[in-house]
Amino acid sequence: MDIQSILKELGVVAVNPGSSSGQKHFGQGEVIESFSPVDGKLIGKVTTTTKEEYEELINTAQTAFKSWRMMPAPQRGEIVRQFGNKLREKKDALGKLVSYEMGKSLQEGWGEVQEMIDICDFAVGLSRQLYGLTMHSERPMHRMYEQWHPMGIVGIISAFNFPVAVWSWNTALAWVCGDVCIWKPSEKAPLCGVACQNIFAEVLKENDLPEGISCLVNGNYEVGEWLSNDRRIPLVSATGSTRMGTKVGEAVARRLGKSLLELGGNNAIIITENADLDSTLVGAVFGAVGTAGQRCTSTRRLIIHESKYEEVKEKLKKAYGQLRIGDPLDTQNHVGPLIDTQAVEMYENALDQIAKEGGTMVVEGGRLDGKGYESGCYVKPCIAEVQNDYEIVCTETFAPILYLIKYRGLEEAIDMQNAVPQGLSSAIMTTNLREAERFLSAAGSDCGIANVNIGTSGAEIGGAFGGEKETGGGRESGSDAWKAYMRRQTNTINYSTELPLAQGIKFDL
């Protein structure tokens, strides 16, 4: 693959593109080098945003907001529609950049860009559906209604594992709602951020719109702190670890701002005695090894009925023996690399902890080296038999480690499913309607996502995405998630010649 040709197609033609607002490039800060986990090669460099440049960016965004908020929502939707069309044109190139810079399979890279296209389509329709309620007043010749207004600047902090899709989930909705956005992409995949910014900048330029509608800042956690502590940013949407999200949430709450947090997951599939094991196997294996286990919705735990336990274990061992690990741009491979060598160290530490707590390996793990693995970021997907209360099992490890846990009764299985601090995604595999409905009931899964006969990974943009507990409680993407990006206003109109007070209060002059 000629990565330089791909970068050129995406407008990332400078080796040192820096931070940008629309087509304007800053870049007086320190250099961030982006190395591919696929082969360890340097892809390109960006420079971090300085505090002075950040202030200039805020001013640019504030100015753009004044005109953008007054554009009718359907017209804002038209801009997002054009962005979706640009993404269709650039899908192949952007998907390849995602795969090469982040390390996920090419199919998943293309799929991530397709998510961006899908959310643009969703947002276009939404631009004509920002509905408010009309309510009857208790006072004669009065009417009440509520409406929704743009909030202002939305700060977006995204993670490396979905370097473009999560940004689009936020921006597409925020834009049609009338907000402008400032995005801090992961410093582990900064070129993906520059590419997306350049694509949208083309749309802004073609429509003679201000560049501050979409802004980009590059940098480490300090840039995230600027966004979190900035009173000029009413909403900060942050995706990443629970540790990171806690800091963002505390900072934003301290200034009484709003935060939308999409944090850790520790997702389980309950496999009942009534499960269809053929479809179960596909869902479990993809959930566990897809994106090399680096999805917040990755399957971490299989909670298996004792009558099916040995059979499932043997099927998994056979399936794992057929996995092909290597260059994710080769569509014959199932599993690519972890994001960097630090992630590999965390994976190895987790294997040590499993052994210390008494776990038994069913499929051995370990680091891969030799030809094709020169980057040092490739590991073996592995399986371990454990107890659900192990400390390592209750901890999210961003790596392809799958835990097997045995259960006897459905109540016990649901309790196990819910016994971890995270609450993002969950699933049950069963052909029994009563088991499925029990799992989906108020006394069932405590996760924001609960599936029947599909895995934990692979959400559609039509449904609101997010979870509970240490996952943060935020919701992005579909359904009525748009309300997070707007402020609600209740209006009362008196069209009488008198001024009656609510609750029958008398106040005569």
Protein backbone atom coordinates (compact mmCIF):
# COMPACT_ATOMS: atom_id res chain seq x y z
CA MET A 1 0.00 0.00 0.00
CA ASP A 2 1.29 3.45 -0.93
CA ILE A 3 0.44 5.35 2.24
CA GLN A 4 1.77 8.65 0.89
CA SER A 5 -0.65 8.49 -2.06
CA ILE A 6 -3.49 7.85 0.37
CA LEU A 7 -2.45 10.79 2.54
CA LYS A 8 -2.30 13.00 -0.54
CA GLU A 9 -5.78 11.92 -1.62
CA LEU A 10 -7.07 12.83 1.84
CA GLY A 11 -5.39 16.22 1.79
CA VAL A 12 -2.78 15.27 4.38
CA VAL A 13 0.05 16.37 2.14
CA ALA A 14 2.27 18.01 4.73
CA VAL A 15 4.58 15.88 6.82
CA ASN A 16 3.90 18.26 9.66
CA PRO A 17 0.25 19.35 9.28
CA GLY A 18 -0.18 20.48 12.88
CA SER A 19 -3.47 21.61 14.36
CA SER A 20 -6.10 23.12 12.16
CA SER A 21 -9.32 25.04 12.10
CA GLY A 22 -10.89 24.42 8.74
CA GLN A 23 -8.06 24.83 6.26
CA LYS A 24 -5.99 27.02 8.56
CA HIS A 25 -2.94 25.28 9.99
CA PHE A 26 -1.28 26.06 13.28
CA GLY A 27 1.61 24.14 14.67
CA GLN A 28 4.02 25.79 17.06
CA GLY A 29 3.88 23.07 19.70
CA GLU A 30 5.79 19.85 20.16
CA VAL A 31 5.88 17.21 17.44
CA ILE A 32 3.76 14.05 17.63
CA GLU A 33 5.03 11.23 15.45
CA SER A 34 2.50 8.70 14.20
CA PHE A 35 3.94 5.21 13.77
CA SER A 36 1.87 2.41 12.28
CA PRO A 37 1.42 -0.62 14.56
CA VAL A 38 1.17 -2.68 11.37
CA ASP A 39 4.85 -2.43 10.45
CA GLY A 40 6.32 0.11 12.87
CA LYS A 41 6.99 2.67 10.14
CA LEU A 42 6.61 6.42 10.59
CA ILE A 43 3.50 7.62 8.73
CA GLY A 44 3.75 11.33 9.43
CA LYS A 45 3.97 14.01 12.08
CA VAL A 46 1.69 16.64 13.56
CA THR A 47 2.47 19.45 15.96
CA THR A 48 0.52 20.05 19.12
CA THR A 49 -1.62 23.11 19.67
CA THR A 50 -0.16 25.76 21.94
CA LYS A 51 -2.27 27.63 24.48
CA GLU A 52 -2.11 30.77 22.35
CA GLU A 53 -3.32 28.87 19.29
CA TYR A 54 -6.08 27.27 21.37
CA GLU A 55 -7.36 30.70 22.36
CA GLU A 56 -7.38 31.78 18.72
CA LEU A 57 -9.29 28.61 17.87
CA ILE A 58 -11.93 29.32 20.54
CA ASN A 59 -12.44 32.81 19.14
CA THR A 60 -12.80 31.38 15.64
CA ALA A 61 -15.40 28.87 16.85
CA GLN A 62 -17.35 31.49 18.81
CA THR A 63 -17.54 33.73 15.75
CA ALA A 64 -18.71 30.87 13.54
CA PHE A 65 -21.39 29.87 16.05
CA LYS A 66 -23.11 33.26 15.79
CA SER A 67 -23.98 32.69 12.14
CA TRP A 68 -24.24 28.88 12.14
CA ARG A 69 -26.93 28.83 14.87
CA MET A 70 -29.15 31.13 12.79
CA MET A 71 -29.03 28.95 9.69
CA PRO A 72 -32.26 26.88 9.49
CA ALA A 73 -31.68 23.33 10.71
CA PRO A 74 -32.61 21.72 7.36
CA GLN A 75 -29.96 23.88 5.70
CA ARG A 76 -27.43 22.69 8.26
CA GLY A 77 -28.57 19.19 7.40
CA GLU A 78 -27.76 19.89 3.76
CA ILE A 79 -24.16 20.65 4.76
CA VAL A 80 -23.96 17.36 6.62
CA ARG A 81 -25.44 15.60 3.58
CA GLN A 82 -22.63 16.99 1.45
CA PHE A 83 -20.11 15.80 4.01
CA GLY A 84 -21.60 12.31 3.82
CA ASN A 85 -21.19 12.36 0.04
CA LYS A 86 -17.55 13.40 0.39
CA LEU A 87 -17.04 10.45 2.72
CA ARG A 88 -18.53 8.14 0.12
CA GLU A 89 -15.93 9.38 -2.34
CA LYS A 90 -13.11 8.99 0.18
CA LYS A 91 -14.29 5.77 1.84
CA ASP A 92 -11.59 3.54 0.39
CA ALA A 93 -8.71 5.88 1.19
CA LEU A 94 -9.91 6.90 4.63
CA GLY A 95 -10.68 3.29 5.56
CA LYS A 96 -7.15 2.29 4.58
CA LEU A 97 -5.66 5.11 6.66
CA VAL A 98 -7.75 4.04 9.66
CA SER A 99 -6.56 0.47 9.24
CA TYR A 100 -2.91 1.40 8.81
CA GLU A 101 -2.67 4.06 11.53
CA MET A 102 -4.80 2.26 14.13
CA GLY A 103 -4.22 -1.38 13.22
CA LYS A 104 -7.77 -2.69 12.78
CA SER A 105 -8.66 -4.92 9.85
CA LEU A 106 -9.33 -3.27 6.52
CA GLN A 107 -12.92 -4.51 6.62
CA GLU A 108 -13.35 -2.75 9.96
CA GLY A 109 -11.61 0.37 8.64
CA TRP A 110 -14.06 0.59 5.77
CA GLY A 111 -16.87 -0.22 8.18
CA GLU A 112 -15.88 2.66 10.41
CA VAL A 113 -16.12 5.10 7.50
CA GLN A 114 -19.49 3.58 6.63
CA GLU A 115 -20.61 4.41 10.17
CA MET A 116 -19.69 8.01 9.44
CA ILE A 117 -21.78 7.95 6.27
CA ASP A 118 -24.69 6.36 8.13
CA ILE A 119 -24.70 8.95 10.90
CA CYS A 120 -24.64 11.72 8.30
CA ASP A 121 -27.75 10.20 6.70
CA PHE A 122 -29.38 9.96 10.13
CA ALA A 123 -28.50 13.58 10.91
CA VAL A 124 -29.93 14.86 7.63
CA GLY A 125 -33.32 13.41 8.52
CA LEU A 126 -32.97 14.63 12.08
CA SER A 127 -32.49 18.20 10.87
CA ARG A 128 -36.23 18.29 10.14
CA GLN A 129 -37.23 16.56 13.38
CA LEU A 130 -35.87 18.66 16.24
CA TYR A 131 -39.29 18.57 17.82
CA GLY A 132 -40.53 20.30 20.96
CA LEU A 133 -43.74 19.71 22.92
CA THR A 134 -46.87 21.84 23.13
CA MET A 135 -48.57 21.84 26.54
CA HIS A 136 -51.90 23.15 27.83
CA SER A 137 -51.66 25.99 30.30
CA GLU A 138 -53.77 26.13 33.48
CA ARG A 139 -54.28 29.85 32.81
CA PRO A 140 -56.92 31.00 30.32
CA MET A 141 -55.74 32.42 27.00
CA HIS A 142 -52.21 31.16 27.55
CA ARG A 143 -50.26 28.53 25.70
CA MET A 144 -47.06 26.74 26.57
CA TYR A 145 -44.47 24.96 24.52
CA GLU A 146 -40.86 23.93 24.72
CA GLN A 147 -38.19 24.33 22.09
CA TRP A 148 -34.57 23.36 21.67
CA HIS A 149 -31.71 25.72 20.92
CA PRO A 150 -28.03 25.17 20.07
CA MET A 151 -25.67 25.12 23.03
CA GLY A 152 -22.55 26.65 21.47
CA ILE A 153 -19.15 24.98 21.27
CA VAL A 154 -19.05 21.22 21.76
CA GLY A 155 -15.68 19.80 22.77
CA ILE A 156 -14.98 16.26 21.57
CA ILE A 157 -12.25 14.01 22.95
CA SER A 158 -12.00 10.71 21.07
CA ALA A 159 -10.02 7.51 21.55
CA PHE A 160 -7.65 5.67 19.22
CA ASN A 161 -9.78 2.57 18.68
CA PHE A 162 -12.42 4.38 16.61
CA PRO A 163 -10.34 7.30 15.36
CA VAL A 164 -13.00 8.72 13.01
CA ALA A 165 -16.43 7.20 13.72
CA VAL A 166 -16.91 8.43 17.29
CA TRP A 167 -16.08 11.98 16.24
CA SER A 168 -18.72 11.78 13.52
CA TRP A 169 -21.35 10.44 15.92
CA ASN A 170 -20.94 13.66 17.88
CA THR A 171 -20.32 16.20 15.14
CA ALA A 172 -23.02 15.14 12.70
CA LEU A 173 -25.68 15.53 15.40
CA ALA A 174 -24.12 18.63 16.96
CA TRP A 175 -23.87 20.36 13.58
CA VAL A 176 -27.54 19.88 12.65
CA CYS A 177 -28.42 21.04 16.16
CA GLY A 178 -26.60 24.30 15.40
CA ASP A 179 -23.46 23.75 17.48
CA VAL A 180 -19.87 24.15 16.38
CA CYS A 181 -17.24 21.59 17.38
CA ILE A 182 -13.66 21.46 18.60
CA TRP A 183 -12.13 18.00 18.31
CA LYS A 184 -9.14 16.56 20.10
CA PRO A 185 -8.39 13.25 18.36
CA SER A 186 -6.25 10.61 20.01
CA GLU A 187 -2.56 11.40 19.85
CA LYS A 188 -2.15 7.75 18.80
CA ALA A 189 -4.05 8.34 15.53
CA PRO A 190 -3.69 12.05 14.73
CA LEU A 191 -3.50 11.74 10.94
CA CYS A 192 -7.01 10.31 10.82
CA GLY A 193 -8.16 13.48 12.54
CA VAL A 194 -6.38 15.73 10.07
CA ALA A 195 -7.86 13.77 7.15
CA CYS A 196 -11.43 14.13 8.45
CA GLN A 197 -10.91 17.81 9.12
CA ASN A 198 -9.66 18.37 5.59
CA ILE A 199 -12.64 16.54 4.07
CA PHE A 200 -15.14 18.68 5.98
CA ALA A 201 -13.12 21.82 5.24
CA GLU A 202 -13.79 21.20 1.54
CA VAL A 203 -17.53 21.28 2.24
CA LEU A 204 -17.25 24.50 4.25
CA LYS A 205 -15.22 26.18 1.52
CA GLU A 206 -17.61 25.11 -1.24
CA ASN A 207 -20.53 26.60 0.70
CA ASP A 208 -18.72 29.77 1.78
CA LEU A 209 -19.17 28.90 5.46
CA PRO A 210 -16.88 29.91 8.35
CA GLU A 211 -14.07 27.49 9.11
CA GLY A 212 -14.74 27.63 12.85
CA ILE A 213 -17.77 25.32 12.50
CA SER A 214 -15.27 22.46 12.77
CA CYS A 215 -11.97 22.85 14.60
CA LEU A 216 -9.14 20.44 15.36
CA VAL A 217 -6.62 20.54 18.19
CA ASN A 218 -3.80 18.05 18.55
CA GLY A 219 -2.00 17.23 21.76
CA ASN A 220 -1.87 15.09 24.87
CA TYR A 221 -3.97 15.11 28.03
CA GLU A 222 -3.20 18.82 28.61
CA VAL A 223 -5.31 19.78 25.60
CA GLY A 224 -8.12 17.64 27.01
CA GLU A 225 -7.79 19.55 30.27
CA TRP A 226 -8.14 22.86 28.43
CA LEU A 227 -11.40 21.68 26.90
CA SER A 228 -12.70 20.24 30.17
CA ASN A 229 -12.01 23.37 32.20
CA ASP A 230 -13.13 25.92 29.61
CA ARG A 231 -16.36 27.67 30.63
CA ARG A 232 -16.86 28.72 27.00
CA ILE A 233 -17.52 25.08 26.11
CA PRO A 234 -20.93 24.08 27.53
CA LEU A 235 -20.64 20.40 26.56
CA VAL A 236 -17.63 18.07 26.49
CA SER A 237 -18.09 14.62 24.95
CA ALA A 238 -15.27 12.26 25.93
CA THR A 239 -14.63 8.68 24.86
CA GLY A 240 -11.91 6.60 26.49
CA SER A 241 -10.97 4.91 29.73
CA THR A 242 -12.95 5.25 32.95
CA ARG A 243 -9.88 6.85 34.51
CA MET A 244 -9.79 9.55 31.83
CA GLY A 245 -13.55 10.05 31.91
CA THR A 246 -13.58 10.53 35.67
CA LYS A 247 -11.15 13.42 35.33
CA VAL A 248 -13.12 15.00 32.50
CA GLY A 249 -16.42 14.58 34.34
CA GLU A 250 -15.04 16.12 37.53
CA ALA A 251 -13.55 19.10 35.71
CA VAL A 252 -16.70 19.82 33.71
CA ALA A 253 -18.99 19.35 36.72
CA ARG A 254 -16.85 21.72 38.78
CA ARG A 255 -17.82 24.53 36.40
CA LEU A 256 -21.41 23.22 36.13
CA GLY A 257 -21.00 22.29 32.49
CA LYS A 258 -22.37 19.19 30.81
CA SER A 259 -20.42 16.08 29.90
CA LEU A 260 -21.24 13.11 27.71
CA LEU A 261 -19.03 10.19 28.76
CA GLU A 262 -18.48 6.95 26.83
CA LEU A 263 -16.01 4.98 28.90
CA GLY A 264 -14.94 1.42 29.69
CA GLY A 265 -16.73 -1.84 28.99
CA ASN A 266 -16.43 -5.35 30.40
CA ASN A 267 -18.96 -7.12 28.28
CA ALA A 268 -20.36 -10.61 28.71
CA ILE A 269 -22.35 -13.06 26.63
CA ILE A 270 -24.53 -15.49 28.56
CA ILE A 271 -24.71 -18.80 26.71
CA THR A 272 -27.70 -20.76 27.96
CA GLU A 273 -28.46 -24.44 27.58
CA ASN A 274 -30.91 -23.41 24.83
CA ALA A 275 -28.38 -21.50 22.72
CA ASP A 276 -27.77 -22.08 19.02
CA LEU A 277 -24.04 -22.78 19.30
CA ASP A 278 -23.23 -22.18 15.63
CA SER A 279 -24.31 -18.54 15.68
CA THR A 280 -23.02 -18.18 19.22
CA LEU A 281 -19.53 -19.11 18.11
CA VAL A 282 -19.42 -16.44 15.40
CA GLY A 283 -20.65 -13.72 17.74
CA ALA A 284 -18.32 -14.70 20.55
CA VAL A 285 -15.16 -15.00 18.45
CA PHE A 286 -15.69 -11.77 16.51
CA GLY A 287 -16.59 -9.97 19.73
CA ALA A 288 -13.42 -11.20 21.41
CA VAL A 289 -10.83 -10.78 18.65
CA GLY A 290 -12.30 -8.08 16.40
CA THR A 291 -10.12 -4.94 16.48
CA ALA A 292 -7.71 -7.17 18.48
CA GLY A 293 -10.00 -6.82 21.50
CA GLN A 294 -9.67 -3.03 21.50
CA ARG A 295 -13.34 -2.12 21.31
CA CYS A 296 -15.22 -0.81 24.31
CA THR A 297 -17.88 -3.35 23.25
CA SER A 298 -15.42 -6.24 22.86
CA THR A 299 -16.56 -9.51 24.42
CA ARG A 300 -14.48 -10.08 27.56
CA ARG A 301 -16.49 -12.80 29.31
CA LEU A 302 -18.47 -15.86 28.26
CA ILE A 303 -20.82 -17.00 31.01
CA ILE A 304 -21.70 -20.54 29.93
CA HIS A 305 -24.30 -22.97 31.25
CA GLU A 306 -22.59 -26.00 32.81
CA SER A 307 -24.35 -28.38 30.40
CA LYS A 308 -22.79 -26.61 27.40
CA TYR A 309 -19.50 -25.54 28.93
CA GLU A 310 -17.18 -28.24 27.62
CA GLU A 311 -18.74 -28.21 24.17
CA VAL A 312 -18.38 -24.45 23.85
CA LYS A 313 -14.81 -24.60 25.11
CA GLU A 314 -13.82 -27.18 22.51
CA LYS A 315 -15.49 -25.22 19.70
CA LEU A 316 -13.65 -22.10 20.77
CA LYS A 317 -10.30 -23.88 20.88
CA LYS A 318 -10.85 -25.11 17.34
CA ALA A 319 -11.95 -21.68 16.11
CA TYR A 320 -8.98 -19.92 17.71
CA GLY A 321 -6.68 -22.42 16.04
CA GLN A 322 -7.92 -21.16 12.68
CA LEU A 323 -7.34 -17.45 13.36
CA ARG A 324 -4.86 -15.72 11.08
CA ILE A 325 -2.86 -12.94 12.74
CA GLY A 326 -0.99 -10.40 10.66
CA ASP A 327 -1.16 -7.31 8.48
CA PRO A 328 -4.74 -6.01 8.85
CA LEU A 329 -4.66 -4.63 5.31
CA ASP A 330 -4.52 -8.22 4.11
CA THR A 331 -8.19 -9.22 4.09
CA GLN A 332 -7.23 -12.87 4.63
CA ASN A 333 -6.17 -12.06 8.20
CA HIS A 334 -8.60 -12.01 11.11
CA VAL A 335 -6.53 -10.19 13.75
CA GLY A 336 -4.19 -7.23 13.47
CA PRO A 337 -1.87 -5.60 16.01
CA LEU A 338 -2.49 -3.79 19.25
CA ILE A 339 -2.11 -0.03 19.02
CA ASP A 340 1.44 0.12 20.44
CA THR A 341 4.01 -1.70 22.57
CA GLN A 342 2.59 -0.16 25.74
CA ALA A 343 -0.67 -1.95 25.00
CA VAL A 344 1.30 -5.18 24.56
CA GLU A 345 2.84 -4.71 28.00
CA MET A 346 -0.62 -4.25 29.53
CA TYR A 347 -1.73 -7.45 27.80
CA GLU A 348 1.26 -9.36 29.19
CA ASN A 349 0.66 -7.97 32.68
CA ALA A 350 -2.93 -9.19 32.48
CA LEU A 351 -1.73 -12.70 31.58
CA ASP A 352 0.55 -12.66 34.63
CA GLN A 353 -2.34 -11.53 36.82
CA ILE A 354 -4.60 -14.30 35.52
CA ALA A 355 -2.00 -16.87 36.57
CA LYS A 356 -1.53 -15.25 39.99
CA GLU A 357 -5.25 -15.34 40.71
CA GLY A 358 -5.54 -19.00 39.74
CA GLY A 359 -6.84 -18.88 36.19
CA THR A 360 -6.16 -21.68 33.72
CA MET A 361 -5.23 -21.01 30.09
CA VAL A 362 -7.36 -22.80 27.51
CA VAL A 363 -5.64 -21.12 24.56
CA GLU A 364 -2.21 -19.75 25.38
CA GLY A 365 -1.36 -16.12 24.74
CA GLY A 366 1.88 -14.26 24.26
CA ARG A 367 3.71 -11.70 22.16
CA LEU A 368 4.46 -12.54 18.53
CA ASP A 369 7.77 -11.76 16.87
CA GLY A 370 9.62 -12.66 13.68
CA LYS A 371 8.75 -11.91 10.07
CA GLY A 372 5.60 -9.86 9.70
CA TYR A 373 5.58 -8.91 13.38
CA GLU A 374 8.50 -6.45 13.38
CA SER A 375 6.45 -3.64 14.94
CA GLY A 376 6.32 -5.55 18.23
CA CYS A 377 2.57 -4.92 18.52
CA TYR A 378 1.19 -8.36 17.62
CA VAL A 379 -0.12 -10.77 20.27
CA LYS A 380 -1.98 -14.07 20.35
CA PRO A 381 -5.71 -13.98 21.17
CA CYS A 382 -6.10 -16.20 24.21
CA ILE A 383 -8.74 -17.83 26.40
CA ALA A 384 -8.66 -18.43 30.15
CA GLU A 385 -10.91 -20.28 32.60
CA VAL A 386 -11.51 -17.99 35.58
CA GLN A 387 -13.87 -17.03 38.38
CA ASN A 388 -16.05 -13.99 37.78
CA ASP A 389 -14.83 -12.24 40.94
CA TYR A 390 -11.14 -12.23 40.02
CA GLU A 391 -9.78 -8.70 40.15
CA ILE A 392 -8.37 -9.00 36.64
CA VAL A 393 -11.76 -10.17 35.34
CA CYS A 394 -13.46 -7.10 36.82
CA THR A 395 -10.86 -4.87 35.10
CA GLU A 396 -11.13 -3.87 31.46
CA THR A 397 -8.05 -5.01 29.53
CA PHE A 398 -7.92 -3.59 26.01
CA ALA A 399 -6.60 -6.77 24.39
CA PRO A 400 -7.89 -10.08 22.93
CA ILE A 401 -8.28 -11.95 26.22
CA LEU A 402 -11.48 -13.97 26.63
CA TYR A 403 -12.64 -15.35 30.00
CA LEU A 404 -14.75 -18.49 30.38
CA ILE A 405 -17.03 -18.75 33.42
CA LYS A 406 -19.45 -21.56 34.30
CA TYR A 407 -22.97 -21.09 35.71
CA ARG A 408 -25.92 -23.27 36.79
CA GLY A 409 -29.04 -21.07 36.85
CA LEU A 410 -30.06 -18.01 34.82
CA GLU A 411 -30.38 -15.79 37.89
CA GLU A 412 -26.79 -16.64 38.78
CA ALA A 413 -25.66 -15.84 35.23
CA ILE A 414 -27.37 -12.44 35.23
CA ASP A 415 -25.86 -11.64 38.61
CA MET A 416 -22.42 -12.50 37.20
CA GLN A 417 -23.06 -10.37 34.14
CA ASN A 418 -23.92 -7.39 36.36
CA ALA A 419 -21.19 -7.92 38.97
CA VAL A 420 -18.51 -5.83 37.25
CA PRO A 421 -18.08 -2.04 37.61
CA GLN A 422 -18.73 -1.38 33.91
CA GLY A 423 -22.12 -1.47 32.22
CA LEU A 424 -21.84 -0.98 28.47
CA SER A 425 -22.86 -3.98 26.35
CA SER A 426 -24.27 -7.43 27.07
CA ALA A 427 -25.86 -10.35 25.26
CA ILE A 428 -27.68 -13.61 25.81
CA MET A 429 -27.67 -16.54 23.41
CA THR A 430 -30.87 -18.53 23.72
CA THR A 431 -33.79 -19.89 21.70
CA ASN A 432 -35.99 -19.73 24.80
CA LEU A 433 -38.29 -16.70 24.79
CA ARG A 434 -38.64 -16.64 28.57
CA GLU A 435 -34.88 -16.54 29.05
CA ALA A 436 -34.56 -13.73 26.53
CA GLU A 437 -37.29 -11.62 28.08
CA ARG A 438 -35.95 -12.22 31.59
CA PHE A 439 -32.55 -10.95 30.44
CA LEU A 440 -34.14 -7.81 28.93
CA SER A 441 -36.38 -7.07 31.92
CA ALA A 442 -35.77 -4.43 34.59
CA ALA A 443 -34.24 -7.17 36.73
CA GLY A 444 -32.00 -8.39 33.90
CA SER A 445 -28.93 -6.86 32.30
CA ASP A 446 -27.87 -3.54 33.83
CA CYS A 447 -26.07 -2.44 30.67
CA GLY A 448 -26.97 0.33 28.25
CA ILE A 449 -26.97 -2.26 25.45
CA ALA A 450 -28.60 -5.68 25.85
CA ASN A 451 -28.78 -8.04 22.88
CA VAL A 452 -30.42 -11.38 22.17
CA ASN A 453 -28.73 -13.83 19.79
CA ILE A 454 -26.13 -11.36 18.59
CA GLY A 455 -22.82 -10.50 20.21
CA THR A 456 -21.83 -7.53 22.32
CA SER A 457 -19.95 -5.79 19.52
CA GLY A 458 -21.31 -3.99 16.47
CA ALA A 459 -23.88 -1.29 17.26
CA GLU A 460 -26.01 0.41 14.61
CA ILE A 461 -26.29 4.19 14.49
CA GLY A 462 -30.10 4.12 14.74
CA GLY A 463 -29.97 3.30 18.45
CA ALA A 464 -28.51 5.46 21.19
CA PHE A 465 -25.06 4.13 22.13
CA GLY A 466 -23.73 4.16 25.68
CA GLY A 467 -23.77 2.47 29.07
CA GLU A 468 -24.23 2.75 32.80
CA LYS A 469 -22.07 2.67 35.96
CA GLU A 470 -18.38 3.24 35.19
CA THR A 471 -19.21 3.40 31.48
CA GLY A 472 -20.35 6.95 32.18
CA GLY A 473 -24.06 7.09 31.39
CA GLY A 474 -23.77 9.09 28.18
CA ARG A 475 -25.59 8.37 24.92
CA GLU A 476 -24.33 9.10 21.42
CA SER A 477 -25.51 8.48 17.87
CA GLY A 478 -29.18 7.63 17.21
CA SER A 479 -32.57 7.71 18.92
CA ASP A 480 -33.03 10.97 20.90
CA ALA A 481 -29.33 11.39 21.69
CA TRP A 482 -29.52 14.73 19.85
CA LYS A 483 -31.02 16.30 22.98
CA ALA A 484 -27.60 16.15 24.66
CA TYR A 485 -26.33 18.73 22.16
CA MET A 486 -29.10 21.28 22.72
CA ARG A 487 -30.56 23.36 25.53
CA ARG A 488 -34.24 23.07 26.35
CA GLN A 489 -36.33 26.20 26.72
CA THR A 490 -39.91 26.34 28.05
CA ASN A 491 -42.04 29.18 26.67
CA THR A 492 -45.35 30.59 27.92
CA ILE A 493 -47.32 33.06 25.81
CA ASN A 494 -50.14 35.19 27.25
CA TYR A 495 -52.49 36.45 24.54
CA SER A 496 -55.10 37.86 26.95
CA THR A 497 -55.46 41.40 28.30
CA GLU A 498 -54.95 40.23 31.91
CA LEU A 499 -52.07 38.72 33.84
CA PRO A 500 -53.34 35.73 35.84
CA LEU A 501 -50.67 34.04 37.95
CA ALA A 502 -49.98 30.34 38.13
CA GLN A 503 -51.39 28.30 41.02
CA GLY A 504 -54.17 30.89 41.40
CA ILE A 505 -51.95 33.32 43.30
CA LYS A 506 -53.53 36.77 43.82
CA PHE A 507 -51.36 39.88 43.50
CA ASP A 508 -53.46 42.99 43.09
CA LEU A 509 -52.06 46.51 42.79
